[in-house]
């Protein structure tokens, strides 16, 4: 296991097969902190791998989906919950129990706070159409006098 952030990120970059793009550093940070969450909570290698794969699937689907009402944060979160539940109940062949109830609560809280809280930022960053144009317009004096 890598203990240095740079080495860990390098391993994650290779394992996740993130394509080079302007959003890669942002997504790599998400997965780095997700891996740190797994380590901090004592998740086994199987649970860690399953969680990171599940998160990768959700993020990939969100990045690939066009912006609009047919794929919003609510639909993404519902897909995340469905995948998490599928890995929390033993019902072969459609689901296998990897996570217990405590894991589900911790994972849900983490993903809600780390990914869905910033969902629009991730969506915009990985959108191929995501281009922001800014313009500075002076609208008047702020009431500050120049010393001159």
Protein backbone atom coordinates (compact mmCIF):
# COMPACT_ATOMS: atom_id res chain seq x y z
CA UNK A 1 0.00 0.00 0.00
CA UNK A 2 1.20 3.48 -0.83
CA UNK A 3 1.50 5.92 2.04
CA UNK A 4 2.71 8.92 0.07
CA UNK A 5 -0.10 10.87 -1.64
CA UNK A 6 1.78 11.25 -4.94
CA UNK A 7 2.53 7.52 -5.14
CA UNK A 8 -1.00 6.61 -4.12
CA UNK A 9 -2.46 8.94 -6.77
CA UNK A 10 -0.18 7.43 -9.39
CA UNK A 11 -1.42 3.93 -8.51
CA UNK A 12 -5.05 5.10 -8.55
CA UNK A 13 -4.58 6.86 -11.89
CA UNK A 14 -3.29 3.64 -13.40
CA UNK A 15 -5.91 1.41 -11.76
CA UNK A 16 -8.86 3.64 -12.68
CA UNK A 17 -7.73 4.23 -16.26
CA UNK A 18 -8.75 7.88 -16.11
CA UNK A 19 -8.32 9.42 -19.55
CA UNK A 20 -6.12 12.49 -19.73
CA UNK A 21 -8.34 15.55 -19.59
CA UNK A 22 -8.61 18.83 -17.71
CA UNK A 23 -10.89 17.09 -15.17
CA UNK A 24 -8.42 14.29 -14.37
CA UNK A 25 -6.77 16.04 -11.37
CA UNK A 26 -10.19 16.81 -9.85
CA UNK A 27 -11.41 13.23 -10.30
CA UNK A 28 -8.11 11.82 -9.06
CA UNK A 29 -8.51 13.84 -5.85
CA UNK A 30 -12.03 12.45 -5.41
CA UNK A 31 -10.73 8.89 -5.68
CA UNK A 32 -7.70 9.60 -3.50
CA UNK A 33 -9.90 10.90 -0.68
CA UNK A 34 -12.31 8.02 -1.25
CA UNK A 35 -9.42 5.58 -0.82
CA UNK A 36 -8.34 7.46 2.33
CA UNK A 37 -11.93 7.14 3.61
CA UNK A 38 -11.74 3.36 3.09
CA UNK A 39 -8.43 3.14 4.96
CA UNK A 40 -9.62 5.40 7.79
CA UNK A 41 -12.73 3.25 8.26
CA UNK A 42 -10.88 -0.07 8.15
CA UNK A 43 -12.62 -1.37 5.04
CA UNK A 44 -11.20 -4.64 3.75
CA UNK A 45 -9.54 -4.80 0.33
CA UNK A 46 -12.74 -6.36 -1.08
CA UNK A 47 -14.91 -3.57 0.35
CA UNK A 48 -12.43 -0.90 -0.78
CA UNK A 49 -12.27 -2.29 -4.31
CA UNK A 50 -16.05 -2.62 -4.52
CA UNK A 51 -16.65 0.90 -3.23
CA UNK A 52 -14.10 2.49 -5.58
CA UNK A 53 -15.52 0.51 -8.53
CA UNK A 54 -19.05 1.57 -7.62
CA UNK A 55 -18.00 5.21 -7.33
CA UNK A 56 -16.11 4.96 -10.61
CA UNK A 57 -19.21 3.62 -12.35
CA UNK A 58 -21.37 6.46 -10.99
CA UNK A 59 -18.83 9.16 -11.89
CA UNK A 60 -18.31 7.68 -15.38
CA UNK A 61 -22.05 7.60 -16.02
CA UNK A 62 -22.41 11.18 -14.78
CA UNK A 63 -19.55 12.40 -16.96
CA UNK A 64 -20.87 10.59 -20.04
CA UNK A 65 -24.48 11.72 -19.66
CA UNK A 66 -25.52 14.93 -21.37
CA UNK A 67 -26.50 17.84 -19.18
CA UNK A 68 -30.21 18.26 -18.84
CA UNK A 69 -33.36 17.23 -17.01
CA UNK A 70 -33.04 13.56 -17.99
CA UNK A 71 -29.85 13.04 -16.02
CA UNK A 72 -29.70 15.20 -12.95
CA UNK A 73 -28.22 14.72 -9.53
CA UNK A 74 -31.36 12.92 -8.31
CA UNK A 75 -31.11 10.28 -11.01
CA UNK A 76 -27.40 9.86 -10.32
CA UNK A 77 -27.98 9.47 -6.59
CA UNK A 78 -30.74 6.90 -7.21
CA UNK A 79 -28.31 4.88 -9.37
CA UNK A 80 -25.65 5.12 -6.65
CA UNK A 81 -28.10 3.91 -3.99
CA UNK A 82 -29.27 1.03 -6.19
CA UNK A 83 -25.70 -0.14 -6.81
CA UNK A 84 -24.80 0.18 -3.14
CA UNK A 85 -27.87 -1.82 -2.09
CA UNK A 86 -27.09 -4.47 -4.69
CA UNK A 87 -23.78 -4.98 -2.85
CA UNK A 88 -25.39 -4.98 0.59
CA UNK A 89 -27.84 -7.86 0.24
CA UNK A 90 -27.14 -11.52 -0.50
CA UNK A 91 -29.53 -12.52 -3.32
CA UNK A 92 -27.64 -14.58 -5.88
CA UNK A 93 -27.28 -14.16 -8.79
CA UNK A 94 -28.44 -10.53 -8.85
CA UNK A 95 -26.67 -9.23 -5.75
CA UNK A 96 -23.95 -10.17 -3.34
CA UNK A 97 -23.44 -8.90 0.19
CA UNK A 98 -20.14 -7.03 0.49
CA UNK A 99 -21.20 -4.16 2.78
CA UNK A 100 -22.95 -4.38 6.13
CA UNK A 101 -25.44 -1.81 7.42
CA UNK A 102 -22.74 0.25 9.16
CA UNK A 103 -20.68 0.37 5.95
CA UNK A 104 -23.71 1.51 3.96
CA UNK A 105 -24.38 4.39 6.36
CA UNK A 106 -20.73 5.52 6.34
CA UNK A 107 -20.39 5.21 2.55
CA UNK A 108 -23.65 7.03 1.91
CA UNK A 109 -22.65 9.88 4.23
CA UNK A 110 -19.20 10.11 2.65
CA UNK A 111 -20.43 10.11 -0.95
CA UNK A 112 -23.19 12.61 -0.15
CA UNK A 113 -20.68 14.95 1.47
CA UNK A 114 -17.76 14.51 -0.91
CA UNK A 115 -19.33 13.86 -4.31
CA UNK A 116 -22.97 14.92 -4.36
CA UNK A 117 -22.36 18.12 -2.39
CA UNK A 118 -20.12 19.18 -5.30
CA UNK A 119 -21.95 17.23 -8.04
CA UNK A 120 -22.43 20.22 -10.35
CA UNK A 121 -18.73 21.05 -10.14
CA UNK A 122 -17.77 17.48 -11.12
CA UNK A 123 -20.43 17.42 -13.83
CA UNK A 124 -19.26 20.71 -15.31
CA UNK A 125 -15.56 19.80 -15.05
CA UNK A 126 -15.90 16.51 -16.88
CA UNK A 127 -18.43 17.72 -19.42
CA UNK A 128 -16.96 18.02 -22.88
CA UNK A 129 -19.12 21.12 -23.30
CA UNK A 130 -18.02 22.53 -19.96
CA UNK A 131 -16.55 25.89 -20.90
CA UNK A 132 -16.80 28.93 -18.72
CA UNK A 133 -16.39 32.38 -20.16
CA UNK A 134 -15.95 35.19 -17.69
CA UNK A 135 -16.09 38.90 -18.26
CA UNK A 136 -15.13 41.64 -15.85
CA UNK A 137 -17.44 44.61 -15.91
CA UNK A 138 -16.94 47.69 -13.77
CA UNK A 139 -20.32 48.77 -12.47
CA UNK A 140 -19.33 51.85 -10.55
CA UNK A 141 -17.52 53.13 -7.55
CA UNK A 142 -17.53 51.16 -4.32
CA UNK A 143 -17.27 54.34 -2.30
CA UNK A 144 -13.52 54.01 -1.78
CA UNK A 145 -11.56 57.18 -2.30
CA UNK A 146 -8.14 57.10 -3.91
CA UNK A 147 -5.28 58.79 -2.14
CA UNK A 148 -3.40 60.57 -4.65
